[in-house]
Amino acid sequence: MLRSITKVKYIIFMIVLTAWFQNTGLIFAQDLSYESDMGYILTKYYIIRDYEEVLRLLNKHYSGYQSELAYLYGLCYLKLNMNKIAIDYFTITLAEHENNYEVLNNIGVAYFQENDYINAMKYFHLSFISNTDYEIAQENYNIAYDSWIAKRRNESVRPMIPFTEKPTMYNSLGWFYYYSGDYHNAIYYFKKSIEEDRKYQFAYIALAYIYDEGNNFELALNYLREAEKIDENNPDLYNNLGIVYYHLSDYENSENSFRKAILLNYRFAEPYNNLGFLYFEKADYSLAEEYFRKSIEINPDNQSLRAESMAGLAIINMKNKNTHQSRVYKESSMRLDYRMNDIKYLTNKLKWSAELIEIWGTI
């Protein structure tokens, strides 16, 4: 087994490039020219590492031995960082050897080298599922996860957790499927995480997040109440409780929950932002503005959240008939996050009320 090491952002990325095609059980035709050339080709690949010459030599035989040689083509193109072509050849190999964990892993590597971390995690996950003893796919998944988080550091995300113990592994897979848009599998894995450990609070919070997003607020509340029994010192739990109570128009419990989140972590910007929208609903515009400004003050990095708070300030200024300042805040908001100009994002993701959207549209 040949192992190539690539350094990416101070992380050693373990890429498995194996001689898999030599022991697949394929029976080669008795072609003496082919057999004699293969010894030379493999020497060029493994010892001299002249991948361009290997590709030139492979072209001589490819038309007659596509299924046998596709994997080696993929390895060469992967080494040359021609990742999309590598994926094409690995896909040909998968057609002959479905769910081979090493091929799936190398497709993940190709996507990683393209900085497509979601697809990289997908194939590392598939590789791991195909062979749960294959630790390299697990390690690669974690590295792709770290890179994905670093890439999204300015966004408001609920991060996946890398592979460690089974509950966190299933929780991680749940978030992977969530971000892939496959909510059915996301819920399955979050519930599987709870089956592994009834005290694993993160999975309860994750399920509540999904059900809240799907407007199933009562079920979301039930999961958060179960999470509260496990640990009452989690500020994220109380921020999420505040959001669910807000969506249920239970403003008293919503306010108490946001305040408890702040009490547990006074540098937690989200509950300040959420209190801003809560006080807007209660028509206390002065206090709403105070909380939006506080959220912006303690939040230098999360651009999506800053965009929301800026939008809140824009709406309040519009309410106060300060049209010019309102437009300044709206422009700042949209520069921070282009989605603030998307009605579907405001309605489905942020769950803005009709009043908020109407005011936002008039600015």
Protein backbone atom coordinates (compact mmCIF):
# COMPACT_ATOMS: atom_id res chain seq x y z
CA MET A 1 0.00 0.00 0.00
CA LEU A 2 1.46 3.35 -1.06
CA ARG A 3 0.68 6.36 1.08
CA SER A 4 1.18 9.91 -0.14
CA ILE A 5 1.27 12.82 2.33
CA THR A 6 0.06 16.31 1.42
CA LYS A 7 0.30 19.26 3.79
CA VAL A 8 -2.82 21.43 3.83
CA LYS A 9 -3.11 24.43 6.20
CA TYR A 10 -0.72 22.89 8.72
CA ILE A 11 -2.60 19.60 8.67
CA ILE A 12 -1.05 16.40 7.35
CA PHE A 13 -3.59 15.02 4.89
CA MET A 14 -3.23 11.25 4.56
CA ILE A 15 -3.95 10.17 1.00
CA VAL A 16 -4.06 6.48 0.34
CA LEU A 17 -2.87 5.62 -3.14
CA THR A 18 -2.71 1.88 -3.28
CA ALA A 19 -1.75 -0.83 -5.68
CA TRP A 20 -5.37 -1.88 -5.45
CA PHE A 21 -5.72 -2.53 -9.15
CA GLN A 22 -3.07 -5.26 -8.85
CA ASN A 23 -5.16 -7.43 -6.56
CA THR A 24 -8.73 -6.87 -7.66
CA GLY A 25 -9.00 -10.38 -9.03
CA LEU A 26 -9.23 -9.13 -12.59
CA ILE A 27 -7.94 -11.56 -15.20
CA PHE A 28 -5.87 -9.89 -17.88
CA ALA A 29 -5.87 -11.12 -21.46
CA GLN A 30 -2.68 -12.80 -22.64
CA ASP A 31 -1.17 -9.76 -24.31
CA LEU A 32 2.62 -10.01 -24.02
CA SER A 33 3.12 -6.40 -25.08
CA TYR A 34 0.70 -5.26 -22.38
CA GLU A 35 2.25 -7.48 -19.70
CA SER A 36 5.80 -6.40 -20.45
CA ASP A 37 4.86 -2.73 -20.56
CA MET A 38 3.02 -2.92 -17.23
CA GLY A 39 6.20 -3.72 -15.33
CA TYR A 40 7.86 -0.64 -16.81
CA ILE A 41 4.75 1.49 -16.21
CA LEU A 42 4.56 0.49 -12.54
CA THR A 43 8.25 1.25 -12.10
CA LYS A 44 7.64 4.70 -13.55
CA TYR A 45 4.70 5.20 -11.20
CA TYR A 46 5.98 3.85 -7.89
CA ILE A 47 9.72 4.47 -8.07
CA ILE A 48 10.40 7.24 -10.56
CA ARG A 49 7.03 8.94 -10.03
CA ASP A 50 6.92 10.26 -13.55
CA TYR A 51 3.14 10.43 -13.75
CA GLU A 52 2.97 12.19 -17.12
CA GLU A 53 5.11 9.44 -18.68
CA VAL A 54 2.89 6.81 -17.06
CA LEU A 55 -0.16 8.41 -18.66
CA ARG A 56 1.57 8.46 -22.05
CA LEU A 57 2.38 4.77 -21.74
CA LEU A 58 -1.11 3.90 -20.53
CA ASN A 59 -2.64 5.49 -23.60
CA LYS A 60 -1.03 2.73 -25.65
CA HIS A 61 -3.20 0.08 -23.97
CA TYR A 62 -6.23 1.91 -22.60
CA SER A 63 -8.64 1.15 -25.44
CA GLY A 64 -8.30 -2.57 -24.77
CA TYR A 65 -8.07 -2.53 -20.97
CA GLN A 66 -10.26 0.32 -19.74
CA SER A 67 -11.64 -1.40 -16.66
CA GLU A 68 -8.19 -2.61 -15.57
CA LEU A 69 -6.37 0.68 -16.11
CA ALA A 70 -8.94 3.31 -15.09
CA TYR A 71 -7.80 3.24 -11.45
CA LEU A 72 -4.16 3.85 -12.35
CA TYR A 73 -5.24 6.70 -14.62
CA GLY A 74 -7.15 8.17 -11.68
CA LEU A 75 -4.13 7.88 -9.40
CA CYS A 76 -1.88 9.65 -11.90
CA TYR A 77 -4.31 12.49 -12.48
CA LEU A 78 -4.79 12.80 -8.72
CA LYS A 79 -1.02 13.11 -8.27
CA LEU A 80 -0.95 15.78 -10.99
CA ASN A 81 -3.75 17.65 -9.19
CA MET A 82 -6.05 17.21 -12.19
CA ASN A 83 -8.82 16.25 -9.84
CA LYS A 84 -11.90 16.38 -12.03
CA ILE A 85 -10.34 13.99 -14.54
CA ALA A 86 -9.21 11.76 -11.65
CA ILE A 87 -12.80 11.61 -10.39
CA ASP A 88 -13.99 10.55 -13.86
CA TYR A 89 -11.58 7.61 -13.94
CA PHE A 90 -12.29 6.59 -10.34
CA THR A 91 -15.98 6.59 -11.24
CA ILE A 92 -15.28 4.15 -14.09
CA THR A 93 -13.52 1.93 -11.54
CA LEU A 94 -16.52 2.10 -9.19
CA ALA A 95 -18.77 0.85 -11.99
CA GLU A 96 -16.76 -2.38 -11.95
CA HIS A 97 -16.08 -2.51 -8.20
CA GLU A 98 -19.04 -0.89 -6.47
CA ASN A 99 -18.49 0.61 -3.01
CA ASN A 100 -14.76 -0.11 -2.91
CA TYR A 101 -13.64 1.88 0.12
CA GLU A 102 -10.21 2.83 -1.29
CA VAL A 103 -11.67 4.19 -4.53
CA LEU A 104 -14.31 6.13 -2.57
CA ASN A 105 -11.60 7.53 -0.33
CA ASN A 106 -9.55 8.71 -3.31
CA ILE A 107 -12.59 10.41 -4.86
CA GLY A 108 -12.86 12.23 -1.53
CA VAL A 109 -9.21 13.25 -1.80
CA ALA A 110 -9.82 14.64 -5.30
CA TYR A 111 -12.75 16.73 -4.07
CA PHE A 112 -10.67 17.90 -1.10
CA GLN A 113 -7.93 19.10 -3.45
CA GLU A 114 -10.64 21.08 -5.27
CA ASN A 115 -11.61 22.66 -1.91
CA ASP A 116 -15.03 21.03 -2.24
CA TYR A 117 -15.16 19.91 1.38
CA ILE A 118 -18.83 18.87 1.42
CA ASN A 119 -18.33 16.34 -1.39
CA ALA A 120 -15.01 15.30 0.15
CA MET A 121 -16.78 14.49 3.43
CA LYS A 122 -19.49 12.66 1.50
CA TYR A 123 -17.03 10.25 -0.09
CA PHE A 124 -14.93 9.82 3.04
CA HIS A 125 -18.16 8.95 4.82
CA LEU A 126 -19.11 6.45 2.11
CA SER A 127 -15.63 4.95 2.32
CA PHE A 128 -15.95 4.60 6.09
CA ILE A 129 -19.41 3.03 5.80
CA SER A 130 -18.04 0.53 3.25
CA ASN A 131 -15.28 -0.47 5.66
CA THR A 132 -15.64 0.76 9.23
CA ASP A 133 -12.13 -0.51 10.03
CA TYR A 134 -10.66 1.85 7.43
CA GLU A 135 -9.32 4.55 9.77
CA ILE A 136 -7.77 6.62 6.98
CA ALA A 137 -11.20 7.61 5.67
CA GLN A 138 -12.18 8.60 9.19
CA GLU A 139 -9.03 10.73 9.58
CA ASN A 140 -9.58 12.31 6.16
CA TYR A 141 -13.19 13.13 7.07
CA ASN A 142 -11.99 14.98 10.17
CA ILE A 143 -9.45 16.98 8.19
CA ALA A 144 -12.04 17.90 5.55
CA TYR A 145 -14.37 18.90 8.39
CA ASP A 146 -11.70 21.19 9.90
CA SER A 147 -11.08 22.82 6.52
CA TRP A 148 -14.82 23.25 5.95
CA ILE A 149 -15.24 24.96 9.32
CA ALA A 150 -12.26 27.25 8.65
CA LYS A 151 -13.73 28.22 5.27
CA ARG A 152 -17.07 29.14 6.89
CA ARG A 153 -15.69 30.91 9.96
CA ASN A 154 -17.60 34.10 9.13
CA GLU A 155 -20.95 32.40 8.80
CA SER A 156 -23.56 31.44 11.36
CA VAL A 157 -23.41 27.65 11.25
CA ARG A 158 -24.14 24.78 13.56
CA PRO A 159 -20.87 22.89 13.08
CA MET A 160 -20.54 19.20 12.53
CA ILE A 161 -18.41 17.31 15.00
CA PRO A 162 -15.60 15.15 13.62
CA PHE A 163 -15.53 11.38 13.97
CA THR A 164 -14.60 10.36 17.53
CA GLU A 165 -16.87 8.17 19.64
CA LYS A 166 -20.02 6.70 18.14
CA PRO A 167 -22.50 9.33 19.43
CA THR A 168 -20.42 12.18 18.01
CA MET A 169 -19.80 10.23 14.82
CA TYR A 170 -23.53 9.82 14.23
CA ASN A 171 -24.13 13.43 15.21
CA SER A 172 -21.50 14.49 12.68
CA LEU A 173 -23.15 12.43 9.96
CA GLY A 174 -26.47 14.03 10.88
CA TRP A 175 -25.05 17.50 10.27
CA PHE A 176 -23.41 16.31 7.07
CA TYR A 177 -26.76 15.18 5.70
CA TYR A 178 -28.43 18.35 6.97
CA TYR A 179 -26.04 20.55 5.01
CA SER A 180 -26.48 18.25 2.01
CA GLY A 181 -30.23 18.93 2.16
CA ASP A 182 -31.11 15.34 3.09
CA TYR A 183 -33.18 15.98 6.23
CA HIS A 184 -34.53 12.43 6.41
CA ASN A 185 -31.06 10.96 6.89
CA ALA A 186 -30.04 13.87 9.11
CA ILE A 187 -32.85 13.07 11.54
CA TYR A 188 -32.03 9.37 11.33
CA TYR A 189 -28.42 9.90 12.40
CA PHE A 190 -29.27 12.41 15.15
CA LYS A 191 -31.70 9.88 16.61
CA LYS A 192 -29.11 7.13 16.22
CA SER A 193 -26.71 9.29 18.22
CA ILE A 194 -29.26 9.42 21.05
CA GLU A 195 -29.74 5.65 20.83
CA GLU A 196 -26.01 5.27 21.48
CA ASP A 197 -26.04 7.70 24.40
CA ARG A 198 -29.25 8.99 25.98
CA LYS A 199 -27.24 11.74 27.66
CA TYR A 200 -25.71 13.10 24.45
CA GLN A 201 -27.19 16.59 24.58
CA PHE A 202 -25.90 17.83 21.22
CA ALA A 203 -28.14 15.42 19.29
CA TYR A 204 -31.28 16.64 21.12
CA ILE A 205 -30.34 20.23 20.28
CA ALA A 206 -29.68 19.26 16.65
CA LEU A 207 -33.08 17.58 16.30
CA ALA A 208 -34.76 20.62 17.82
CA TYR A 209 -32.95 22.84 15.32
CA ILE A 210 -34.22 20.81 12.38
CA TYR A 211 -37.80 20.62 13.67
CA ASP A 212 -37.82 24.35 14.42
CA GLU A 213 -36.64 25.02 10.88
CA GLY A 214 -39.47 22.79 9.62
CA ASN A 215 -42.00 24.80 11.68
CA ASN A 216 -42.66 21.87 14.00
CA PHE A 217 -42.14 24.07 17.04
CA GLU A 218 -43.80 21.85 19.65
CA LEU A 219 -41.61 18.88 18.78
CA ALA A 220 -38.55 21.15 18.76
CA LEU A 221 -39.51 22.36 22.23
CA ASN A 222 -39.85 18.78 23.49
CA TYR A 223 -36.31 17.91 22.37
CA LEU A 224 -34.89 21.05 23.95
CA ARG A 225 -36.62 20.30 27.23
CA GLU A 226 -35.03 16.84 27.16
CA ALA A 227 -31.67 18.49 26.48
CA GLU A 228 -32.20 20.82 29.44
CA LYS A 229 -32.53 17.82 31.77
CA ILE A 230 -29.03 16.72 30.72
CA ASP A 231 -27.16 20.00 31.20
CA GLU A 232 -28.57 23.33 32.36
CA ASN A 233 -25.31 25.20 31.71
CA ASN A 234 -25.29 25.23 27.91
CA PRO A 235 -25.88 28.76 26.56
CA ASP A 236 -26.60 27.47 23.04
CA LEU A 237 -29.44 25.37 24.46
CA TYR A 238 -31.11 28.43 25.98
CA ASN A 239 -30.59 30.55 22.89
CA ASN A 240 -32.36 27.84 20.87
CA LEU A 241 -35.11 27.59 23.49
CA GLY A 242 -35.58 31.34 23.16
CA ILE A 243 -35.95 31.00 19.39
CA VAL A 244 -38.55 28.23 19.66
CA TYR A 245 -40.56 30.12 22.29
CA TYR A 246 -40.37 33.20 20.04
CA HIS A 247 -41.81 31.21 17.14
CA LEU A 248 -44.57 30.01 19.47
CA SER A 249 -45.27 33.70 20.37
CA ASP A 250 -44.41 32.92 23.99
CA TYR A 251 -42.40 36.12 24.42
CA GLU A 252 -42.02 35.87 28.18
CA ASN A 253 -40.30 32.47 28.08
CA SER A 254 -38.41 33.54 24.97
CA GLU A 255 -36.96 36.58 26.75
CA ASN A 256 -36.09 34.57 29.86
CA SER A 257 -34.30 31.96 27.75
CA PHE A 258 -32.24 34.53 25.83
CA ARG A 259 -31.29 36.22 29.09
CA LYS A 260 -30.21 32.90 30.59
CA ALA A 261 -28.03 32.24 27.54
CA ILE A 262 -26.37 35.63 28.08
CA LEU A 263 -25.98 34.94 31.80
CA LEU A 264 -24.12 31.74 30.95
CA ASN A 265 -21.97 33.49 28.31
CA TYR A 266 -22.14 37.28 28.18
CA ARG A 267 -19.98 37.28 25.00
CA PHE A 268 -22.54 35.17 23.11
CA ALA A 269 -23.74 37.51 20.36
CA GLU A 270 -26.75 35.55 19.05
CA PRO A 271 -29.10 36.00 22.03
CA TYR A 272 -28.45 39.77 21.97
CA ASN A 273 -29.46 39.83 18.30
CA ASN A 274 -32.50 37.69 19.04
CA LEU A 275 -33.57 39.97 21.89
CA GLY A 276 -33.39 42.82 19.40
CA PHE A 277 -36.01 41.16 17.20
CA LEU A 278 -38.06 40.16 20.25
CA TYR A 279 -38.25 43.76 21.48
CA PHE A 280 -39.11 44.91 17.98
CA GLU A 281 -42.14 42.61 18.10
CA LYS A 282 -43.03 44.17 21.47
CA ALA A 283 -42.68 47.64 19.85
CA ASP A 284 -39.90 48.63 22.26
CA TYR A 285 -37.68 50.05 19.51
CA SER A 286 -35.22 51.77 21.82
CA LEU A 287 -34.39 48.55 23.66
CA ALA A 288 -34.35 46.59 20.38
CA GLU A 289 -31.76 48.98 18.97
CA GLU A 290 -29.65 48.63 22.12
CA TYR A 291 -29.51 44.84 21.74
CA PHE A 292 -28.74 44.95 18.02
CA ARG A 293 -25.84 47.31 18.72
CA LYS A 294 -24.57 45.07 21.52
CA SER A 295 -24.67 42.04 19.21
CA ILE A 296 -22.62 43.91 16.60
CA GLU A 297 -20.17 45.18 19.22
CA ILE A 298 -19.21 41.72 20.51
CA ASN A 299 -19.34 39.98 17.14
CA PRO A 300 -16.36 40.86 14.92
CA ASP A 301 -16.30 37.67 12.83
CA ASN A 302 -19.75 36.19 12.22
CA GLN A 303 -20.79 38.09 9.09
CA SER A 304 -24.21 36.45 8.73
CA LEU A 305 -25.18 37.41 12.26
CA ARG A 306 -23.82 40.94 11.82
CA ALA A 307 -25.92 41.19 8.67
CA GLU A 308 -29.05 40.29 10.67
CA SER A 309 -28.27 42.85 13.37
CA MET A 310 -27.58 45.53 10.75
CA ALA A 311 -30.91 44.67 9.15
CA GLY A 312 -32.58 45.08 12.53
CA LEU A 313 -31.08 48.55 12.87
CA ALA A 314 -32.25 49.40 9.34
CA ILE A 315 -35.81 48.38 10.14
CA ILE A 316 -35.87 50.31 13.42
CA ASN A 317 -34.54 53.44 11.71
CA MET A 318 -37.24 53.05 9.06
CA LYS A 319 -39.85 52.80 11.82
CA ASN A 320 -38.41 56.00 13.29
CA LYS A 321 -38.62 57.65 9.82
CA ASN A 322 -34.84 58.00 9.58
CA THR A 323 -34.83 56.91 5.93
CA HIS A 324 -31.24 57.81 5.05
CA GLN A 325 -29.70 55.96 8.01
CA SER A 326 -32.02 53.04 7.38
CA ARG A 327 -30.64 52.68 3.83
CA VAL A 328 -27.06 52.88 5.10
CA TYR A 329 -27.69 49.97 7.47
CA LYS A 330 -29.48 47.95 4.76
CA GLU A 331 -26.56 48.38 2.37
CA SER A 332 -24.14 47.28 5.11
CA SER A 333 -26.31 44.25 5.82
CA MET A 334 -26.41 43.12 2.20
CA ARG A 335 -22.66 43.62 1.80
CA LEU A 336 -22.11 41.32 4.76
CA ASP A 337 -24.49 38.62 3.49
CA TYR A 338 -26.00 38.67 -0.01
CA ARG A 339 -28.81 36.38 1.19
CA MET A 340 -30.39 39.31 3.03
CA ASN A 341 -31.82 40.28 -0.36
CA ASP A 342 -33.43 36.85 -0.84
CA ILE A 343 -37.05 36.68 0.26
CA LYS A 344 -36.89 32.88 0.64
CA TYR A 345 -33.92 33.15 3.00
CA LEU A 346 -35.68 35.78 5.11
CA THR A 347 -38.92 33.78 5.22
CA ASN A 348 -37.72 30.19 5.54
CA LYS A 349 -34.35 30.49 7.25
CA LEU A 350 -34.63 33.61 9.42
CA LYS A 351 -38.43 33.25 9.72
CA TRP A 352 -39.05 36.97 9.55
CA SER A 353 -42.62 38.11 10.10
CA ALA A 354 -44.66 39.65 7.30
CA GLU A 355 -44.23 43.05 8.97
CA LEU A 356 -40.44 42.79 9.02
CA ILE A 357 -40.31 41.76 5.36
CA GLU A 358 -42.68 44.55 4.34
CA ILE A 359 -40.59 47.21 6.09
CA TRP A 360 -37.35 45.72 4.73
CA GLY A 361 -38.77 45.90 1.21
CA THR A 362 -39.61 49.58 1.50
CA ILE A 363 -36.10 50.66 2.56
